[in-house]
PDB file of N, CA and C in Angstrom:
ATOM      1  N   MET A   1      -3.363   7.558 -25.167  1.00  0.00           N
ATOM      2  CA  MET A   1      -2.376   6.502 -25.090  1.00  0.00           C
ATOM      3  C   MET A   1      -1.767   6.444 -23.695  1.00  0.00           C
ATOM      4  N   TYR A   2      -1.473   7.622 -23.122  1.00  0.00           N
ATOM      5  CA  TYR A   2      -0.877   7.690 -21.799  1.00  0.00           C
ATOM      6  C   TYR A   2      -1.837   7.131 -20.743  1.00  0.00           C
ATOM      7  N   LEU A   3      -3.118   7.447 -20.850  1.00  0.00           N
ATOM      8  CA  LEU A   3      -4.113   6.941 -19.916  1.00  0.00           C
ATOM      9  C   LEU A   3      -4.236   5.422 -20.018  1.00  0.00           C
ATOM     10  N   PHE A   4      -4.197   4.898 -21.221  1.00  0.00           N
ATOM     11  CA  PHE A   4      -4.270   3.456 -21.422  1.00  0.00           C
ATOM     12  C   PHE A   4      -3.051   2.763 -20.811  1.00  0.00           C
ATOM     13  N   LEU A   5      -1.877   3.368 -20.932  1.00  0.00           N
ATOM     14  CA  LEU A   5      -0.662   2.810 -20.346  1.00  0.00           C
ATOM     15  C   LEU A   5      -0.760   2.777 -18.819  1.00  0.00           C
ATOM     16  N   LYS A   6      -1.288   3.850 -18.233  1.00  0.00           N
ATOM     17  CA  LYS A   6      -1.462   3.865 -16.775  1.00  0.00           C
ATOM     18  C   LYS A   6      -2.484   2.832 -16.328  1.00  0.00           C
ATOM     19  N   TRP A   7      -3.520   2.638 -17.130  1.00  0.00           N
ATOM     20  CA  TRP A   7      -4.538   1.639 -16.824  1.00  0.00           C
ATOM     21  C   TRP A   7      -3.893   0.250 -16.791  1.00  0.00           C
ATOM     22  N   ILE A   8      -3.060  -0.047 -17.765  1.00  0.00           N
ATOM     23  CA  ILE A   8      -2.373  -1.344 -17.814  1.00  0.00           C
ATOM     24  C   ILE A   8      -1.401  -1.474 -16.637  1.00  0.00           C
ATOM     25  N   LEU A   9      -0.690  -0.408 -16.312  1.00  0.00           N
ATOM     26  CA  LEU A   9       0.256  -0.460 -15.195  1.00  0.00           C
ATOM     27  C   LEU A   9      -0.453  -0.703 -13.863  1.00  0.00           C
ATOM     28  N   PHE A  10      -1.592  -0.058 -13.669  1.00  0.00           N
ATOM     29  CA  PHE A  10      -2.338  -0.292 -12.440  1.00  0.00           C
ATOM     30  C   PHE A  10      -2.942  -1.700 -12.404  1.00  0.00           C
ATOM     31  N   ALA A  11      -3.323  -2.241 -13.553  1.00  0.00           N
ATOM     32  CA  ALA A  11      -3.804  -3.627 -13.599  1.00  0.00           C
ATOM     33  C   ALA A  11      -2.669  -4.575 -13.215  1.00  0.00           C
ATOM     34  N   LEU A  12      -1.466  -4.312 -13.713  1.00  0.00           N
ATOM     35  CA  LEU A  12      -0.309  -5.119 -13.326  1.00  0.00           C
ATOM     36  C   LEU A  12       0.004  -4.949 -11.842  1.00  0.00           C
ATOM     37  N   ALA A  13      -0.230  -3.755 -11.314  1.00  0.00           N
ATOM     38  CA  ALA A  13      -0.023  -3.517  -9.887  1.00  0.00           C
ATOM     39  C   ALA A  13      -0.990  -4.344  -9.050  1.00  0.00           C
ATOM     40  N   ILE A  14      -2.229  -4.460  -9.510  1.00  0.00           N
ATOM     41  CA  ILE A  14      -3.203  -5.281  -8.787  1.00  0.00           C
ATOM     42  C   ILE A  14      -2.805  -6.753  -8.854  1.00  0.00           C
ATOM     43  N   ILE A  15      -2.332  -7.198 -10.005  1.00  0.00           N
ATOM     44  CA  ILE A  15      -1.871  -8.580 -10.131  1.00  0.00           C
ATOM     45  C   ILE A  15      -0.678  -8.825  -9.210  1.00  0.00           C
ATOM     46  N   PHE A  16       0.259  -7.885  -9.166  1.00  0.00           N
ATOM     47  CA  PHE A  16       1.419  -7.998  -8.294  1.00  0.00           C
ATOM     48  C   PHE A  16       1.001  -8.018  -6.824  1.00  0.00           C
ATOM     49  N   THR A  17       0.057  -7.170  -6.466  1.00  0.00           N
ATOM     50  CA  THR A  17      -0.438  -7.135  -5.091  1.00  0.00           C
ATOM     51  C   THR A  17      -1.098  -8.456  -4.726  1.00  0.00           C
ATOM     52  N   ALA A  18      -1.870  -9.014  -5.644  1.00  0.00           N
ATOM     53  CA  ALA A  18      -2.506 -10.305  -5.386  1.00  0.00           C
ATOM     54  C   ALA A  18      -1.466 -11.415  -5.256  1.00  0.00           C
ATOM     55  N   TRP A  19      -0.368 -11.269  -5.955  1.00  0.00           N
ATOM     56  CA  TRP A  19       0.706 -12.259  -5.878  1.00  0.00           C
ATOM     57  C   TRP A  19       1.442 -12.170  -4.539  1.00  0.00           C
ATOM     58  N   ILE A  20       1.604 -10.962  -4.012  1.00  0.00           N
ATOM     59  CA  ILE A  20       2.370 -10.759  -2.781  1.00  0.00           C
ATOM     60  C   ILE A  20       1.529 -10.949  -1.518  1.00  0.00           C
ATOM     61  N   VAL A  21       0.337 -10.392  -1.504  1.00  0.00           N
ATOM     62  CA  VAL A  21      -0.473 -10.341  -0.283  1.00  0.00           C
ATOM     63  C   VAL A  21      -1.332 -11.597  -0.176  1.00  0.00           C
ATOM     64  N   PRO A  22      -1.163 -12.346   0.919  1.00  0.00           N
ATOM     65  CA  PRO A  22      -2.056 -13.501   1.114  1.00  0.00           C
ATOM     66  C   PRO A  22      -3.471 -13.012   1.425  1.00  0.00           C
ATOM     67  N   GLY A  23      -4.450 -13.653   0.835  1.00  0.00           N
ATOM     68  CA  GLY A  23      -5.834 -13.257   1.050  1.00  0.00           C
ATOM     69  C   GLY A  23      -6.415 -12.417  -0.071  1.00  0.00           C
ATOM     70  N   ILE A  24      -5.570 -12.021  -1.027  1.00  0.00           N
ATOM     71  CA  ILE A  24      -6.056 -11.296  -2.205  1.00  0.00           C
ATOM     72  C   ILE A  24      -5.734 -12.151  -3.417  1.00  0.00           C
ATOM     73  N   SER A  25      -6.748 -12.372  -4.247  1.00  0.00           N
ATOM     74  CA  SER A  25      -6.526 -13.155  -5.467  1.00  0.00           C
ATOM     75  C   SER A  25      -7.254 -12.489  -6.630  1.00  0.00           C
ATOM     76  N   ILE A  26      -6.676 -12.659  -7.797  1.00  0.00           N
ATOM     77  CA  ILE A  26      -7.255 -12.110  -9.026  1.00  0.00           C
ATOM     78  C   ILE A  26      -7.321 -13.243 -10.035  1.00  0.00           C
ATOM     79  N   ALA A  27      -8.414 -13.320 -10.766  1.00  0.00           N
ATOM     80  CA  ALA A  27      -8.628 -14.442 -11.675  1.00  0.00           C
ATOM     81  C   ALA A  27      -7.761 -14.344 -12.927  1.00  0.00           C
ATOM     82  N   ASN A  28      -7.761 -13.185 -13.569  1.00  0.00           N
ATOM     83  CA  ASN A  28      -7.012 -13.027 -14.820  1.00  0.00           C
ATOM     84  C   ASN A  28      -6.768 -11.545 -15.083  1.00  0.00           C
ATOM     85  N   PHE A  29      -6.125 -11.259 -16.211  1.00  0.00           N
ATOM     86  CA  PHE A  29      -5.784  -9.879 -16.538  1.00  0.00           C
ATOM     87  C   PHE A  29      -7.029  -9.034 -16.813  1.00  0.00           C
ATOM     88  N   ALA A  30      -8.040  -9.641 -17.420  1.00  0.00           N
ATOM     89  CA  ALA A  30      -9.279  -8.899 -17.689  1.00  0.00           C
ATOM     90  C   ALA A  30      -9.958  -8.486 -16.381  1.00  0.00           C
ATOM     91  N   SER A  31      -9.923  -9.357 -15.384  1.00  0.00           N
ATOM     92  CA  SER A  31     -10.477  -9.000 -14.076  1.00  0.00           C
ATOM     93  C   SER A  31      -9.677  -7.872 -13.437  1.00  0.00           C
ATOM     94  N   ALA A  32      -8.369  -7.880 -13.647  1.00  0.00           N
ATOM     95  CA  ALA A  32      -7.532  -6.806 -13.116  1.00  0.00           C
ATOM     96  C   ALA A  32      -7.857  -5.484 -13.798  1.00  0.00           C
ATOM     97  N   MET A  33      -8.085  -5.521 -15.104  1.00  0.00           N
ATOM     98  CA  MET A  33      -8.447  -4.289 -15.826  1.00  0.00           C
ATOM     99  C   MET A  33      -9.790  -3.747 -15.325  1.00  0.00           C
ATOM    100  N   LEU A  34     -10.753  -4.639 -15.110  1.00  0.00           N
ATOM    101  CA  LEU A  34     -12.051  -4.229 -14.573  1.00  0.00           C
ATOM    102  C   LEU A  34     -11.903  -3.714 -13.145  1.00  0.00           C
ATOM    103  N   ALA A  35     -11.035  -4.351 -12.366  1.00  0.00           N
ATOM    104  CA  ALA A  35     -10.810  -3.920 -10.985  1.00  0.00           C
ATOM    105  C   ALA A  35     -10.245  -2.502 -10.939  1.00  0.00           C
ATOM    106  N   VAL A  36      -9.383  -2.164 -11.885  1.00  0.00           N
ATOM    107  CA  VAL A  36      -8.828  -0.802 -11.937  1.00  0.00           C
ATOM    108  C   VAL A  36      -9.950   0.208 -12.159  1.00  0.00           C
ATOM    109  N   VAL A  37     -10.858  -0.105 -13.047  1.00  0.00           N
ATOM    110  CA  VAL A  37     -11.980   0.809 -13.317  1.00  0.00           C
ATOM    111  C   VAL A  37     -12.861   0.945 -12.076  1.00  0.00           C
ATOM    112  N   ILE A  38     -13.165  -0.166 -11.422  1.00  0.00           N
ATOM    113  CA  ILE A  38     -14.038  -0.122 -10.253  1.00  0.00           C
ATOM    114  C   ILE A  38     -13.364   0.602  -9.094  1.00  0.00           C
ATOM    115  N   VAL A  39     -12.076   0.349  -8.876  1.00  0.00           N
ATOM    116  CA  VAL A  39     -11.349   1.065  -7.820  1.00  0.00           C
ATOM    117  C   VAL A  39     -11.328   2.558  -8.117  1.00  0.00           C
ATOM    118  N   ALA A  40     -11.129   2.917  -9.365  1.00  0.00           N
ATOM    119  CA  ALA A  40     -11.127   4.338  -9.736  1.00  0.00           C
ATOM    120  C   ALA A  40     -12.491   4.967  -9.478  1.00  0.00           C
ATOM    121  N   LEU A  41     -13.565   4.282  -9.842  1.00  0.00           N
ATOM    122  CA  LEU A  41     -14.911   4.816  -9.600  1.00  0.00           C
ATOM    123  C   LEU A  41     -15.203   4.944  -8.107  1.00  0.00           C
ATOM    124  N   ILE A  42     -14.764   3.963  -7.327  1.00  0.00           N
ATOM    125  CA  ILE A  42     -14.939   4.038  -5.881  1.00  0.00           C
ATOM    126  C   ILE A  42     -14.160   5.228  -5.323  1.00  0.00           C
ATOM    127  N   ASN A  43     -12.934   5.413  -5.803  1.00  0.00           N
ATOM    128  CA  ASN A  43     -12.110   6.526  -5.323  1.00  0.00           C
ATOM    129  C   ASN A  43     -12.655   7.886  -5.750  1.00  0.00           C
ATOM    130  N   ILE A  44     -13.379   7.929  -6.849  1.00  0.00           N
ATOM    131  CA  ILE A  44     -13.946   9.195  -7.319  1.00  0.00           C
ATOM    132  C   ILE A  44     -15.239   9.535  -6.587  1.00  0.00           C
ATOM    133  N   PHE A  45     -16.117   8.554  -6.408  1.00  0.00           N
ATOM    134  CA  PHE A  45     -17.453   8.851  -5.911  1.00  0.00           C
ATOM    135  C   PHE A  45     -17.672   8.546  -4.433  1.00  0.00           C
ATOM    136  N   ILE A  46     -17.164   7.437  -3.930  1.00  0.00           N
ATOM    137  CA  ILE A  46     -17.476   7.009  -2.566  1.00  0.00           C
ATOM    138  C   ILE A  46     -16.439   7.487  -1.555  1.00  0.00           C
ATOM    139  N   ARG A  47     -15.160   7.375  -1.897  1.00  0.00           N
ATOM    140  CA  ARG A  47     -14.091   7.702  -0.949  1.00  0.00           C
ATOM    141  C   ARG A  47     -14.160   9.141  -0.423  1.00  0.00           C
ATOM    142  N   PRO A  48     -14.409  10.154  -1.267  1.00  0.00           N
ATOM    143  CA  PRO A  48     -14.494  11.516  -0.710  1.00  0.00           C
ATOM    144  C   PRO A  48     -15.617  11.687   0.320  1.00  0.00           C
ATOM    145  N   LEU A  49     -16.735  11.021   0.092  1.00  0.00           N
ATOM    146  CA  LEU A  49     -17.835  11.102   1.054  1.00  0.00           C
ATOM    147  C   LEU A  49     -17.445  10.462   2.381  1.00  0.00           C
ATOM    148  N   ILE A  50     -16.801   9.308   2.309  1.00  0.00           N
ATOM    149  CA  ILE A  50     -16.364   8.616   3.516  1.00  0.00           C
ATOM    150  C   ILE A  50     -15.310   9.449   4.255  1.00  0.00           C
ATOM    151  N   LEU A  51     -14.385  10.032   3.499  1.00  0.00           N
ATOM    152  CA  LEU A  51     -13.366  10.881   4.133  1.00  0.00           C
ATOM    153  C   LEU A  51     -13.995  12.088   4.825  1.00  0.00           C
ATOM    154  N   PHE A  52     -15.009  12.665   4.209  1.00  0.00           N
ATOM    155  CA  PHE A  52     -15.683  13.819   4.817  1.00  0.00           C
ATOM    156  C   PHE A  52     -16.414  13.413   6.092  1.00  0.00           C
ATOM    157  N   VAL A  53     -17.100  12.286   6.052  1.00  0.00           N
ATOM    158  CA  VAL A  53     -17.857  11.836   7.223  1.00  0.00           C
ATOM    159  C   VAL A  53     -16.915  11.486   8.375  1.00  0.00           C
ATOM    160  N   THR A  54     -15.767  10.903   8.062  1.00  0.00           N
ATOM    161  CA  THR A  54     -14.834  10.474   9.104  1.00  0.00           C
ATOM    162  C   THR A  54     -13.756  11.527   9.392  1.00  0.00           C
ATOM    163  N   LEU A  55     -13.985  12.752   8.972  1.00  0.00           N
ATOM    164  CA  LEU A  55     -13.000  13.809   9.179  1.00  0.00           C
ATOM    165  C   LEU A  55     -12.616  14.001  10.652  1.00  0.00           C
ATOM    166  N   PRO A  56     -13.550  13.974  11.598  1.00  0.00           N
ATOM    167  CA  PRO A  56     -13.125  14.124  13.003  1.00  0.00           C
ATOM    168  C   PRO A  56     -12.194  12.998  13.472  1.00  0.00           C
ATOM    169  N   ILE A  57     -12.497  11.765  13.076  1.00  0.00           N
ATOM    170  CA  ILE A  57     -11.632  10.637  13.451  1.00  0.00           C
ATOM    171  C   ILE A  57     -10.276  10.783  12.779  1.00  0.00           C
ATOM    172  N   ASN A  58     -10.287  11.185  11.529  1.00  0.00           N
ATOM    173  CA  ASN A  58      -9.035  11.396  10.795  1.00  0.00           C
ATOM    174  C   ASN A  58      -8.205  12.490  11.455  1.00  0.00           C
ATOM    175  N   PHE A  59      -8.854  13.533  11.896  1.00  0.00           N
ATOM    176  CA  PHE A  59      -8.158  14.633  12.561  1.00  0.00           C
ATOM    177  C   PHE A  59      -7.532  14.165  13.881  1.00  0.00           C
ATOM    178  N   LEU A  60      -8.297  13.396  14.652  1.00  0.00           N
ATOM    179  CA  LEU A  60      -7.798  12.913  15.940  1.00  0.00           C
ATOM    180  C   LEU A  60      -6.643  11.928  15.797  1.00  0.00           C
ATOM    181  N   THR A  61      -6.661  11.147  14.726  1.00  0.00           N
ATOM    182  CA  THR A  61      -5.593  10.157  14.521  1.00  0.00           C
ATOM    183  C   THR A  61      -4.485  10.683  13.621  1.00  0.00           C
ATOM    184  N   LEU A  62      -4.524  11.959  13.330  1.00  0.00           N
ATOM    185  CA  LEU A  62      -3.512  12.610  12.484  1.00  0.00           C
ATOM    186  C   LEU A  62      -3.396  11.964  11.102  1.00  0.00           C
ATOM    187  N   GLY A  63      -4.514  11.510  10.578  1.00  0.00           N
ATOM    188  CA  GLY A  63      -4.552  10.958   9.228  1.00  0.00           C
ATOM    189  C   GLY A  63      -4.338   9.476   9.126  1.00  0.00           C
ATOM    190  N   ILE A  64      -4.016   8.816  10.227  1.00  0.00           N
ATOM    191  CA  ILE A  64      -3.759   7.372  10.193  1.00  0.00           C
ATOM    192  C   ILE A  64      -5.027   6.599   9.816  1.00  0.00           C
ATOM    193  N   PHE A  65      -6.190   7.127  10.173  1.00  0.00           N
ATOM    194  CA  PHE A  65      -7.452   6.447   9.864  1.00  0.00           C
ATOM    195  C   PHE A  65      -7.678   6.342   8.352  1.00  0.00           C
ATOM    196  N   THR A  66      -6.971   7.138   7.573  1.00  0.00           N
ATOM    197  CA  THR A  66      -7.082   7.055   6.115  1.00  0.00           C
ATOM    198  C   THR A  66      -6.667   5.676   5.613  1.00  0.00           C
ATOM    199  N   PHE A  67      -5.711   5.052   6.296  1.00  0.00           N
ATOM    200  CA  PHE A  67      -5.315   3.696   5.922  1.00  0.00           C
ATOM    201  C   PHE A  67      -6.489   2.731   6.058  1.00  0.00           C
ATOM    202  N   VAL A  68      -7.275   2.904   7.098  1.00  0.00           N
ATOM    203  CA  VAL A  68      -8.454   2.063   7.300  1.00  0.00           C
ATOM    204  C   VAL A  68      -9.471   2.314   6.189  1.00  0.00           C
ATOM    205  N   ILE A  69      -9.664   3.562   5.823  1.00  0.00           N
ATOM    206  CA  ILE A  69     -10.611   3.892   4.754  1.00  0.00           C
ATOM    207  C   ILE A  69     -10.144   3.292   3.430  1.00  0.00           C
ATOM    208  N   ASN A  70      -8.847   3.396   3.134  1.00  0.00           N
ATOM    209  CA  ASN A  70      -8.317   2.798   1.906  1.00  0.00           C
ATOM    210  C   ASN A  70      -8.528   1.290   1.893  1.00  0.00           C
ATOM    211  N   ALA A  71      -8.324   0.655   3.043  1.00  0.00           N
ATOM    212  CA  ALA A  71      -8.539  -0.791   3.130  1.00  0.00           C
ATOM    213  C   ALA A  71     -10.003  -1.144   2.896  1.00  0.00           C
ATOM    214  N   LEU A  72     -10.897  -0.364   3.467  1.00  0.00           N
ATOM    215  CA  LEU A  72     -12.327  -0.625   3.265  1.00  0.00           C
ATOM    216  C   LEU A  72     -12.744  -0.418   1.810  1.00  0.00           C
ATOM    217  N   MET A  73     -12.143   0.553   1.139  1.00  0.00           N
ATOM    218  CA  MET A  73     -12.450   0.784  -0.273  1.00  0.00           C
ATOM    219  C   MET A  73     -11.947  -0.382  -1.137  1.00  0.00           C
ATOM    220  N   LEU A  74     -10.770  -0.908  -0.815  1.00  0.00           N
ATOM    221  CA  LEU A  74     -10.264  -2.075  -1.553  1.00  0.00           C
ATOM    222  C   LEU A  74     -11.122  -3.301  -1.273  1.00  0.00           C
ATOM    223  N   TRP A  75     -11.559  -3.450  -0.038  1.00  0.00           N
ATOM    224  CA  TRP A  75     -12.431  -4.563   0.330  1.00  0.00           C
ATOM    225  C   TRP A  75     -13.756  -4.458  -0.422  1.00  0.00           C
ATOM    226  N   LEU A  76     -14.291  -3.264  -0.534  1.00  0.00           N
ATOM    227  CA  LEU A  76     -15.515  -3.038  -1.304  1.00  0.00           C
ATOM    228  C   LEU A  76     -15.298  -3.376  -2.779  1.00  0.00           C
ATOM    229  N   ALA A  77     -14.162  -2.980  -3.323  1.00  0.00           N
ATOM    230  CA  ALA A  77     -13.851  -3.301  -4.720  1.00  0.00           C
ATOM    231  C   ALA A  77     -13.771  -4.811  -4.913  1.00  0.00           C
ATOM    232  N   GLY A  78     -13.211  -5.518  -3.942  1.00  0.00           N
ATOM    233  CA  GLY A  78     -13.163  -6.976  -4.018  1.00  0.00           C
ATOM    234  C   GLY A  78     -14.538  -7.603  -3.962  1.00  0.00           C
ATOM    235  N   TYR A  79     -15.452  -6.967  -3.254  1.00  0.00           N
ATOM    236  CA  TYR A  79     -16.818  -7.466  -3.174  1.00  0.00           C
ATOM    237  C   TYR A  79     -17.575  -7.230  -4.476  1.00  0.00           C
ATOM    238  N   ILE A  80     -17.316  -6.111  -5.127  1.00  0.00           N
ATOM    239  CA  ILE A  80     -18.046  -5.732  -6.340  1.00  0.00           C
ATOM    240  C   ILE A  80     -17.468  -6.407  -7.586  1.00  0.00           C
ATOM    241  N   THR A  81     -16.157  -6.478  -7.682  1.00  0.00           N
ATOM    242  CA  THR A  81     -15.494  -6.920  -8.907  1.00  0.00           C
ATOM    243  C   THR A  81     -15.515  -8.436  -9.041  1.00  0.00           C
ATOM    244  N   PRO A  82     -16.064  -8.953 -10.141  1.00  0.00           N
ATOM    245  CA  PRO A  82     -15.958 -10.390 -10.374  1.00  0.00           C
ATOM    246  C   PRO A  82     -14.517 -10.742 -10.736  1.00  0.00           C
ATOM    247  N   GLY A  83     -13.984 -11.763 -10.076  1.00  0.00           N
ATOM    248  CA  GLY A  83     -12.617 -12.190 -10.335  1.00  0.00           C
ATOM    249  C   GLY A  83     -11.605 -11.648  -9.347  1.00  0.00           C
ATOM    250  N   LEU A  84     -11.999 -10.659  -8.535  1.00  0.00           N
ATOM    251  CA  LEU A  84     -11.119 -10.118  -7.498  1.00  0.00           C
ATOM    252  C   LEU A  84     -11.680 -10.532  -6.150  1.00  0.00           C
ATOM    253  N   SER A  85     -10.839 -11.168  -5.352  1.00  0.00           N
ATOM    254  CA  SER A  85     -11.265 -11.633  -4.038  1.00  0.00           C
ATOM    255  C   SER A  85     -10.343 -11.044  -2.978  1.00  0.00           C
ATOM    256  N   VAL A  86     -10.941 -10.361  -2.007  1.00  0.00           N
ATOM    257  CA  VAL A  86     -10.203  -9.819  -0.872  1.00  0.00           C
ATOM    258  C   VAL A  86     -10.799 -10.451   0.375  1.00  0.00           C
ATOM    259  N   ASN A  87     -10.023 -11.315   1.017  1.00  0.00           N
ATOM    260  CA  ASN A  87     -10.515 -12.075   2.163  1.00  0.00           C
ATOM    261  C   ASN A  87     -10.070 -11.439   3.468  1.00  0.00           C
ATOM    262  N   GLY A  88     -10.880 -10.594   4.023  1.00  0.00           N
ATOM    263  CA  GLY A  88     -10.623 -10.036   5.336  1.00  0.00           C
ATOM    264  C   GLY A  88     -10.029  -8.641   5.315  1.00  0.00           C
ATOM    265  N   PHE A  89     -10.170  -8.001   6.474  1.00  0.00           N
ATOM    266  CA  PHE A  89      -9.719  -6.621   6.610  1.00  0.00           C
ATOM    267  C   PHE A  89      -8.205  -6.505   6.536  1.00  0.00           C
ATOM    268  N   TRP A  90      -7.486  -7.417   7.185  1.00  0.00           N
ATOM    269  CA  TRP A  90      -6.025  -7.299   7.230  1.00  0.00           C
ATOM    270  C   TRP A  90      -5.402  -7.495   5.857  1.00  0.00           C
ATOM    271  N   SER A  91      -5.970  -8.375   5.061  1.00  0.00           N
ATOM    272  CA  SER A  91      -5.506  -8.520   3.682  1.00  0.00           C
ATOM    273  C   SER A  91      -5.782  -7.243   2.895  1.00  0.00           C
ATOM    274  N   ALA A  92      -6.943  -6.648   3.125  1.00  0.00           N
ATOM    275  CA  ALA A  92      -7.283  -5.392   2.446  1.00  0.00           C
ATOM    276  C   ALA A  92      -6.351  -4.272   2.885  1.00  0.00           C
ATOM    277  N   LEU A  93      -6.010  -4.225   4.158  1.00  0.00           N
ATOM    278  CA  LEU A  93      -5.114  -3.180   4.655  1.00  0.00           C
ATOM    279  C   LEU A  93      -3.722  -3.318   4.046  1.00  0.00           C
ATOM    280  N   LEU A  94      -3.178  -4.522   4.074  1.00  0.00           N
ATOM    281  CA  LEU A  94      -1.853  -4.737   3.491  1.00  0.00           C
ATOM    282  C   LEU A  94      -1.883  -4.513   1.983  1.00  0.00           C
ATOM    283  N   GLY A  95      -2.943  -4.973   1.325  1.00  0.00           N
ATOM    284  CA  GLY A  95      -3.080  -4.772  -0.115  1.00  0.00           C
ATOM    285  C   GLY A  95      -3.198  -3.308  -0.492  1.00  0.00           C
ATOM    286  N   SER A  96      -3.921  -2.536   0.316  1.00  0.00           N
ATOM    287  CA  SER A  96      -4.052  -1.107   0.009  1.00  0.00           C
ATOM    288  C   SER A  96      -2.727  -0.386   0.210  1.00  0.00           C
ATOM    289  N   LEU A  97      -1.933  -0.814   1.182  1.00  0.00           N
ATOM    290  CA  LEU A  97      -0.610  -0.213   1.370  1.00  0.00           C
ATOM    291  C   LEU A  97       0.305  -0.508   0.184  1.00  0.00           C
ATOM    292  N   VAL A  98       0.287  -1.765  -0.274  1.00  0.00           N
ATOM    293  CA  VAL A  98       1.121  -2.147  -1.423  1.00  0.00           C
ATOM    294  C   VAL A  98       0.674  -1.388  -2.669  1.00  0.00           C
ATOM    295  N   LEU A  99      -0.642  -1.340  -2.912  1.00  0.00           N
ATOM    296  CA  LEU A  99      -1.150  -0.617  -4.074  1.00  0.00           C
ATOM    297  C   LEU A  99      -0.837   0.877  -4.002  1.00  0.00           C
ATOM    298  N   SER A 100      -0.879   1.441  -2.817  1.00  0.00           N
ATOM    299  CA  SER A 100      -0.551   2.864  -2.668  1.00  0.00           C
ATOM    300  C   SER A 100       0.908   3.132  -3.018  1.00  0.00           C
ATOM    301  N   LEU A 101       1.789   2.267  -2.548  1.00  0.00           N
ATOM    302  CA  LEU A 101       3.216   2.442  -2.850  1.00  0.00           C
ATOM    303  C   LEU A 101       3.492   2.296  -4.341  1.00  0.00           C
ATOM    304  N   ILE A 102       2.868   1.308  -4.955  1.00  0.00           N
ATOM    305  CA  ILE A 102       3.048   1.130  -6.393  1.00  0.00           C
ATOM    306  C   ILE A 102       2.428   2.302  -7.153  1.00  0.00           C
ATOM    307  N   GLY A 103       1.281   2.791  -6.676  1.00  0.00           N
ATOM    308  CA  GLY A 103       0.630   3.936  -7.307  1.00  0.00           C
ATOM    309  C   GLY A 103       1.485   5.187  -7.246  1.00  0.00           C
ATOM    310  N   VAL A 104       2.201   5.368  -6.147  1.00  0.00           N
ATOM    311  CA  VAL A 104       3.115   6.511  -6.059  1.00  0.00           C
ATOM    312  C   VAL A 104       4.199   6.394  -7.112  1.00  0.00           C
ATOM    313  N   ALA A 105       4.717   5.183  -7.303  1.00  0.00           N
ATOM    314  CA  ALA A 105       5.751   4.976  -8.327  1.00  0.00           C
ATOM    315  C   ALA A 105       5.212   5.195  -9.727  1.00  0.00           C
ATOM    316  N   ILE A 106       3.991   4.743  -9.987  1.00  0.00           N
ATOM    317  CA  ILE A 106       3.407   4.917 -11.318  1.00  0.00           C
ATOM    318  C   ILE A 106       3.122   6.389 -11.610  1.00  0.00           C
ATOM    319  N   ASN A 107       2.646   7.113 -10.604  1.00  0.00           N
ATOM    320  CA  ASN A 107       2.303   8.524 -10.795  1.00  0.00           C
ATOM    321  C   ASN A 107       3.457   9.476 -10.554  1.00  0.00           C
ATOM    322  N   TYR A 108       4.665   8.972 -10.381  1.00  0.00           N
ATOM    323  CA  TYR A 108       5.825   9.804 -10.070  1.00  0.00           C
ATOM    324  C   TYR A 108       6.093  10.848 -11.157  1.00  0.00           C
ATOM    325  N   GLU A 109       5.980  10.465 -12.402  1.00  0.00           N
ATOM    326  CA  GLU A 109       6.254  11.396 -13.510  1.00  0.00           C
ATOM    327  C   GLU A 109       5.215  12.509 -13.591  1.00  0.00           C
ATOM    328  N   ASP A 110       3.999  12.251 -13.144  1.00  0.00           N
ATOM    329  CA  ASP A 110       2.952  13.277 -13.204  1.00  0.00           C
ATOM    330  C   ASP A 110       3.261  14.457 -12.281  1.00  0.00           C
ATOM    331  N   LYS A 111       4.010  14.224 -11.243  1.00  0.00           N
ATOM    332  CA  LYS A 111       4.276  15.269 -10.256  1.00  0.00           C
ATOM    333  C   LYS A 111       5.434  16.177 -10.645  1.00  0.00           C
ATOM    334  N   LYS A 112       6.202  15.804 -11.633  1.00  0.00           N
ATOM    335  CA  LYS A 112       7.352  16.613 -12.039  1.00  0.00           C
ATOM    336  C   LYS A 112       6.940  17.796 -12.859  1.00  0.00           C
TER     337      LYS A 112
END
């Protein structure tokens, strides 16, 4: 039940991000639910590999390059997910920042 609630909250976060960030659009709630699954799969399987490969750049930029990686992962999710559209890198960067902030709020109770 708790996992399902977090899934719904993250889907609402994607809808909210699409509402705030110009260049990101979501078709409906079902697309948002699918987008949450695809973003989670990307974060589980692809993101760690990309972070490992770009470790020297991340080290030199003191971790700032992680924002670029997060934006690219969101852009990839927009390319894969039907109903989710991410138009351009800057929209993906701003959208990933908004989603990260909302994700911190959603996962706040898990850290206690």
